[in-house]
Amino acid sequence: MNKKILIIVGIVSMLVGGMMVKHHFSNHDNHEITENIKVESPVIQWTPSTKSALVKEMYSINKNYQELVSNLAQGDWAKVIENSHNIHSAFILKQELSEEDMADLHRILPERFIEMDSKFHDHAFKLAIAAKEKDGELALIYSGKMMDGCVSCHQVFAKDRFEGFSSQEEATHEH
């Protein structure tokens, strides 16, 4: 019974967090949040094509994450696996960009962004595995790590896009 309560509380928390960012555009990972250290947001000089691809990827991830949370709450494992897979493979940036755009992307993206993004997609993959095993507790852990990754990345790289993070100091901790 405690597992059910934990899962319900976790899902409700994720739904609320997801709704807070939904109207802006998206979701992404790393669990590096810093405590009481003022850090300037790195400014990424997106080209029009890389920015367009990023926005498409963020919309896709957000849509699938919202569905994933609902499907997880309902124990619809097949749909959780599908949503997780869609998020894991949502590398629209890589799929839609020319070789020249990809070279620009590697030149402009900070290593930290790449690490956070990679961790996020890895957590989506691990969530799909947990869903295949019908392990609600583990699936909930990975869905929470994914949300944490979104928030962490937005705090660092999208303060100008997300008003709630614009005046916040970057927080850092690792799991």
C-alpha atoms as a PDB file:
ATOM      1  CA  MET A   1       0.000   0.000   0.000  1.00  0.00           C
ATOM      2  CA  ASN A   2       2.889   2.401   0.745  1.00  0.00           C
ATOM      3  CA  LYS A   3       4.227   1.889  -2.788  1.00  0.00           C
ATOM      4  CA  LYS A   4       0.873   2.943  -4.231  1.00  0.00           C
ATOM      5  CA  ILE A   5       0.794   6.090  -2.116  1.00  0.00           C
ATOM      6  CA  LEU A   6       4.393   6.892  -3.074  1.00  0.00           C
ATOM      7  CA  ILE A   7       3.590   6.432  -6.755  1.00  0.00           C
ATOM      8  CA  ILE A   8       0.438   8.567  -6.558  1.00  0.00           C
ATOM      9  CA  VAL A   9       2.226  11.376  -4.684  1.00  0.00           C
ATOM     10  CA  GLY A  10       5.112  11.255  -7.156  1.00  0.00           C
ATOM     11  CA  ILE A  11       2.838  11.351 -10.166  1.00  0.00           C
ATOM     12  CA  VAL A  12       0.827  14.257  -8.785  1.00  0.00           C
ATOM     13  CA  SER A  13       4.089  16.125  -8.143  1.00  0.00           C
ATOM     14  CA  MET A  14       5.258  15.478 -11.680  1.00  0.00           C
ATOM     15  CA  LEU A  15       1.939  16.577 -13.148  1.00  0.00           C
ATOM     16  CA  VAL A  16       2.101  19.867 -11.278  1.00  0.00           C
ATOM     17  CA  GLY A  17       5.721  20.406 -12.326  1.00  0.00           C
ATOM     18  CA  GLY A  18       4.911  19.511 -15.905  1.00  0.00           C
ATOM     19  CA  MET A  19       2.002  21.911 -16.032  1.00  0.00           C
ATOM     20  CA  MET A  20       4.245  24.699 -14.758  1.00  0.00           C
ATOM     21  CA  VAL A  21       6.546  24.436 -17.769  1.00  0.00           C
ATOM     22  CA  LYS A  22       4.069  23.184 -20.373  1.00  0.00           C
ATOM     23  CA  HIS A  23       2.895  26.561 -21.643  1.00  0.00           C
ATOM     24  CA  HIS A  24       6.457  27.626 -22.389  1.00  0.00           C
ATOM     25  CA  PHE A  25       7.551  24.660 -24.458  1.00  0.00           C
ATOM     26  CA  SER A  26       9.351  21.742 -23.043  1.00  0.00           C
ATOM     27  CA  ASN A  27      11.577  19.388 -21.132  1.00  0.00           C
ATOM     28  CA  HIS A  28      15.416  18.055 -20.865  1.00  0.00           C
ATOM     29  CA  ASP A  29      18.514  16.452 -17.954  1.00  0.00           C
ATOM     30  CA  ASN A  30      21.307  16.592 -15.604  1.00  0.00           C
ATOM     31  CA  HIS A  31      20.889  16.649 -11.936  1.00  0.00           C
ATOM     32  CA  GLU A  32      23.417  19.375 -11.391  1.00  0.00           C
ATOM     33  CA  ILE A  33      21.681  22.007  -9.411  1.00  0.00           C
ATOM     34  CA  THR A  34      23.980  24.444  -7.445  1.00  0.00           C
ATOM     35  CA  GLU A  35      23.297  25.831  -3.997  1.00  0.00           C
ATOM     36  CA  ASN A  36      23.693  29.552  -3.427  1.00  0.00           C
ATOM     37  CA  ILE A  37      26.203  30.149  -6.190  1.00  0.00           C
ATOM     38  CA  LYS A  38      25.325  32.896  -8.624  1.00  0.00           C
ATOM     39  CA  VAL A  39      26.130  31.661 -12.114  1.00  0.00           C
ATOM     40  CA  GLU A  40      25.504  33.511 -15.328  1.00  0.00           C
ATOM     41  CA  SER A  41      23.430  31.576 -17.835  1.00  0.00           C
ATOM     42  CA  PRO A  42      25.528  30.465 -20.762  1.00  0.00           C
ATOM     43  CA  VAL A  43      24.213  32.086 -23.897  1.00  0.00           C
ATOM     44  CA  ILE A  44      23.968  29.691 -26.798  1.00  0.00           C
ATOM     45  CA  GLN A  45      24.090  31.402 -30.163  1.00  0.00           C
ATOM     46  CA  TRP A  46      21.539  29.235 -31.966  1.00  0.00           C
ATOM     47  CA  THR A  47      21.406  29.404 -35.740  1.00  0.00           C
ATOM     48  CA  PRO A  48      17.858  29.650 -37.155  1.00  0.00           C
ATOM     49  CA  SER A  49      17.868  26.001 -38.273  1.00  0.00           C
ATOM     50  CA  THR A  50      19.280  24.644 -34.988  1.00  0.00           C
ATOM     51  CA  LYS A  51      16.844  26.729 -32.951  1.00  0.00           C
ATOM     52  CA  SER A  52      13.913  25.527 -35.056  1.00  0.00           C
ATOM     53  CA  ALA A  53      14.977  21.891 -34.611  1.00  0.00           C
ATOM     54  CA  LEU A  54      15.451  22.407 -30.848  1.00  0.00           C
ATOM     55  CA  VAL A  55      11.974  23.891 -30.462  1.00  0.00           C
ATOM     56  CA  LYS A  56      10.470  20.937 -32.357  1.00  0.00           C
ATOM     57  CA  GLU A  57      12.363  18.526 -30.120  1.00  0.00           C
ATOM     58  CA  MET A  58      11.220  20.325 -26.966  1.00  0.00           C
ATOM     59  CA  TYR A  59       7.570  20.223 -28.083  1.00  0.00           C
ATOM     60  CA  SER A  60       7.836  16.524 -28.883  1.00  0.00           C
ATOM     61  CA  ILE A  61       9.454  15.745 -25.546  1.00  0.00           C
ATOM     62  CA  ASN A  62       6.907  17.811 -23.640  1.00  0.00           C
ATOM     63  CA  LYS A  63       3.961  16.147 -25.383  1.00  0.00           C
ATOM     64  CA  ASN A  64       5.330  12.669 -24.757  1.00  0.00           C
ATOM     65  CA  TYR A  65       6.267  13.437 -21.155  1.00  0.00           C
ATOM     66  CA  GLN A  66       2.765  14.712 -20.373  1.00  0.00           C
ATOM     67  CA  GLU A  67       1.285  11.555 -21.874  1.00  0.00           C
ATOM     68  CA  LEU A  68       3.865   9.416 -20.090  1.00  0.00           C
ATOM     69  CA  VAL A  69       2.861  10.776 -16.687  1.00  0.00           C
ATOM     70  CA  SER A  70      -0.801  10.067 -17.368  1.00  0.00           C
ATOM     71  CA  ASN A  71      -0.061   6.602 -18.731  1.00  0.00           C
ATOM     72  CA  LEU A  72       2.205   5.814 -15.787  1.00  0.00           C
ATOM     73  CA  ALA A  73      -0.537   6.823 -13.356  1.00  0.00           C
ATOM     74  CA  GLN A  74      -2.883   4.426 -15.142  1.00  0.00           C
ATOM     75  CA  GLY A  75      -0.381   1.577 -15.331  1.00  0.00           C
ATOM     76  CA  ASP A  76      -0.624   1.499 -19.116  1.00  0.00           C
ATOM     77  CA  TRP A  77       2.829   0.003 -19.550  1.00  0.00           C
ATOM     78  CA  ALA A  78       2.682  -0.314 -23.339  1.00  0.00           C
ATOM     79  CA  LYS A  79       2.007   3.417 -23.693  1.00  0.00           C
ATOM     80  CA  VAL A  80       4.650   4.288 -21.070  1.00  0.00           C
ATOM     81  CA  ILE A  81       7.164   2.288 -23.109  1.00  0.00           C
ATOM     82  CA  GLU A  82       6.061   4.078 -26.288  1.00  0.00           C
ATOM     83  CA  ASN A  83       6.275   7.536 -24.680  1.00  0.00           C
ATOM     84  CA  SER A  84       9.681   6.738 -23.163  1.00  0.00           C
ATOM     85  CA  HIS A  85      10.957   5.488 -26.496  1.00  0.00           C
ATOM     86  CA  ASN A  86       9.658   8.603 -28.264  1.00  0.00           C
ATOM     87  CA  ILE A  87      11.481  10.793 -25.751  1.00  0.00           C
ATOM     88  CA  HIS A  88      14.667   8.728 -25.847  1.00  0.00           C
ATOM     89  CA  SER A  89      14.793   8.851 -29.636  1.00  0.00           C
ATOM     90  CA  ALA A  90      13.630  12.472 -29.967  1.00  0.00           C
ATOM     91  CA  PHE A  91      16.952  13.600 -31.316  1.00  0.00           C
ATOM     92  CA  ILE A  92      15.249  15.872 -33.828  1.00  0.00           C
ATOM     93  CA  LEU A  93      18.300  18.101 -33.753  1.00  0.00           C
ATOM     94  CA  LYS A  94      20.362  15.261 -35.189  1.00  0.00           C
ATOM     95  CA  GLN A  95      17.637  14.054 -37.539  1.00  0.00           C
ATOM     96  CA  GLU A  96      16.776  17.356 -39.216  1.00  0.00           C
ATOM     97  CA  LEU A  97      20.079  19.165 -39.443  1.00  0.00           C
ATOM     98  CA  SER A  98      22.471  19.214 -42.365  1.00  0.00           C
ATOM     99  CA  GLU A  99      26.133  18.310 -41.876  1.00  0.00           C
ATOM    100  CA  GLU A 100      26.940  22.022 -41.790  1.00  0.00           C
ATOM    101  CA  ASP A 101      24.263  22.641 -39.143  1.00  0.00           C
ATOM    102  CA  MET A 102      25.588  19.697 -37.106  1.00  0.00           C
ATOM    103  CA  ALA A 103      29.083  21.191 -37.224  1.00  0.00           C
ATOM    104  CA  ASP A 104      27.631  24.516 -36.041  1.00  0.00           C
ATOM    105  CA  LEU A 105      25.779  22.718 -33.280  1.00  0.00           C
ATOM    106  CA  HIS A 106      28.929  21.010 -31.978  1.00  0.00           C
ATOM    107  CA  ARG A 107      30.712  24.347 -32.082  1.00  0.00           C
ATOM    108  CA  ILE A 108      28.032  26.295 -30.172  1.00  0.00           C
ATOM    109  CA  LEU A 109      26.809  23.790 -27.567  1.00  0.00           C
ATOM    110  CA  PRO A 110      28.563  23.843 -24.205  1.00  0.00           C
ATOM    111  CA  GLU A 111      29.791  20.473 -22.961  1.00  0.00           C
ATOM    112  CA  ARG A 112      27.480  20.765 -19.957  1.00  0.00           C
ATOM    113  CA  PHE A 113      24.437  21.075 -22.219  1.00  0.00           C
ATOM    114  CA  ILE A 114      25.462  17.953 -24.115  1.00  0.00           C
ATOM    115  CA  GLU A 115      26.000  16.037 -20.859  1.00  0.00           C
ATOM    116  CA  MET A 116      22.626  17.106 -19.456  1.00  0.00           C
ATOM    117  CA  ASP A 117      20.863  16.201 -22.694  1.00  0.00           C
ATOM    118  CA  SER A 118      22.559  12.817 -22.842  1.00  0.00           C
ATOM    119  CA  LYS A 119      21.592  11.994 -19.248  1.00  0.00           C
ATOM    120  CA  PHE A 120      18.007  13.008 -19.914  1.00  0.00           C
ATOM    121  CA  HIS A 121      17.679  10.698 -22.915  1.00  0.00           C
ATOM    122  CA  ASP A 122      19.410   7.910 -20.962  1.00  0.00           C
ATOM    123  CA  HIS A 123      16.838   8.269 -18.169  1.00  0.00           C
ATOM    124  CA  ALA A 124      14.047   7.962 -20.754  1.00  0.00           C
ATOM    125  CA  PHE A 125      15.634   4.729 -21.985  1.00  0.00           C
ATOM    126  CA  LYS A 126      15.885   3.381 -18.425  1.00  0.00           C
ATOM    127  CA  LEU A 127      12.269   4.342 -17.807  1.00  0.00           C
ATOM    128  CA  ALA A 128      11.234   2.256 -20.836  1.00  0.00           C
ATOM    129  CA  ILE A 129      13.126  -0.716 -19.384  1.00  0.00           C
ATOM    130  CA  ALA A 130      11.401  -0.257 -16.011  1.00  0.00           C
ATOM    131  CA  ALA A 131       8.036  -0.082 -17.782  1.00  0.00           C
ATOM    132  CA  LYS A 132       8.796  -3.306 -19.682  1.00  0.00           C
ATOM    133  CA  GLU A 133       9.376  -4.923 -16.287  1.00  0.00           C
ATOM    134  CA  LYS A 134       6.164  -3.282 -14.986  1.00  0.00           C
ATOM    135  CA  ASP A 135       8.231  -1.822 -12.160  1.00  0.00           C
ATOM    136  CA  GLY A 136       6.171   1.219 -11.137  1.00  0.00           C
ATOM    137  CA  GLU A 137       8.542   2.307  -8.407  1.00  0.00           C
ATOM    138  CA  LEU A 138      11.580   2.339 -10.705  1.00  0.00           C
ATOM    139  CA  ALA A 139       9.580   3.950 -13.520  1.00  0.00           C
ATOM    140  CA  LEU A 140       8.555   6.698 -11.125  1.00  0.00           C
ATOM    141  CA  ILE A 141      12.169   7.270 -10.103  1.00  0.00           C
ATOM    142  CA  TYR A 142      13.270   7.687 -13.720  1.00  0.00           C
ATOM    143  CA  SER A 143      10.338   9.915 -14.630  1.00  0.00           C
ATOM    144  CA  GLY A 144      11.295  12.105 -11.669  1.00  0.00           C
ATOM    145  CA  LYS A 145      14.918  12.183 -12.836  1.00  0.00           C
ATOM    146  CA  MET A 146      13.688  13.261 -16.235  1.00  0.00           C
ATOM    147  CA  MET A 147      11.668  16.141 -14.747  1.00  0.00           C
ATOM    148  CA  ASP A 148      14.632  17.101 -12.595  1.00  0.00           C
ATOM    149  CA  GLY A 149      16.756  17.152 -15.737  1.00  0.00           C
ATOM    150  CA  CYS A 150      14.300  19.479 -17.463  1.00  0.00           C
ATOM    151  CA  VAL A 151      14.267  21.888 -14.564  1.00  0.00           C
ATOM    152  CA  SER A 152      18.063  21.783 -14.138  1.00  0.00           C
ATOM    153  CA  CYS A 153      18.715  22.421 -17.824  1.00  0.00           C
ATOM    154  CA  HIS A 154      16.169  25.228 -18.003  1.00  0.00           C
ATOM    155  CA  GLN A 155      17.664  26.852 -14.893  1.00  0.00           C
ATOM    156  CA  VAL A 156      21.060  26.928 -16.568  1.00  0.00           C
ATOM    157  CA  PHE A 157      20.346  27.383 -20.270  1.00  0.00           C
ATOM    158  CA  ALA A 158      16.853  28.849 -20.572  1.00  0.00           C
ATOM    159  CA  LYS A 159      16.449  31.424 -17.809  1.00  0.00           C
ATOM    160  CA  ASP A 160      15.405  33.960 -20.408  1.00  0.00           C
ATOM    161  CA  ARG A 161      12.711  31.592 -21.712  1.00  0.00           C
ATOM    162  CA  PHE A 162      11.291  30.545 -18.341  1.00  0.00           C
ATOM    163  CA  GLU A 163      10.374  33.535 -16.232  1.00  0.00           C
ATOM    164  CA  GLY A 164      10.339  31.500 -13.021  1.00  0.00           C
ATOM    165  CA  PHE A 165      14.061  30.814 -13.355  1.00  0.00           C
ATOM    166  CA  SER A 166      15.144  34.291 -14.470  1.00  0.00           C
ATOM    167  CA  SER A 167      15.846  35.632 -10.992  1.00  0.00           C
ATOM    168  CA  GLN A 168      16.791  32.335  -9.394  1.00  0.00           C
ATOM    169  CA  GLU A 169      20.312  31.449  -8.457  1.00  0.00           C
ATOM    170  CA  GLU A 170      21.512  28.255 -10.011  1.00  0.00           C
ATOM    171  CA  ALA A 171      21.374  25.366  -7.571  1.00  0.00           C
ATOM    172  CA  THR A 172      23.812  22.421  -7.740  1.00  0.00           C
ATOM    173  CA  HIS A 173      23.709  18.951  -6.381  1.00  0.00           C
ATOM    174  CA  GLU A 174      24.450  15.550  -7.847  1.00  0.00           C
ATOM    175  CA  HIS A 175      22.777  12.188  -7.452  1.00  0.00           C
END
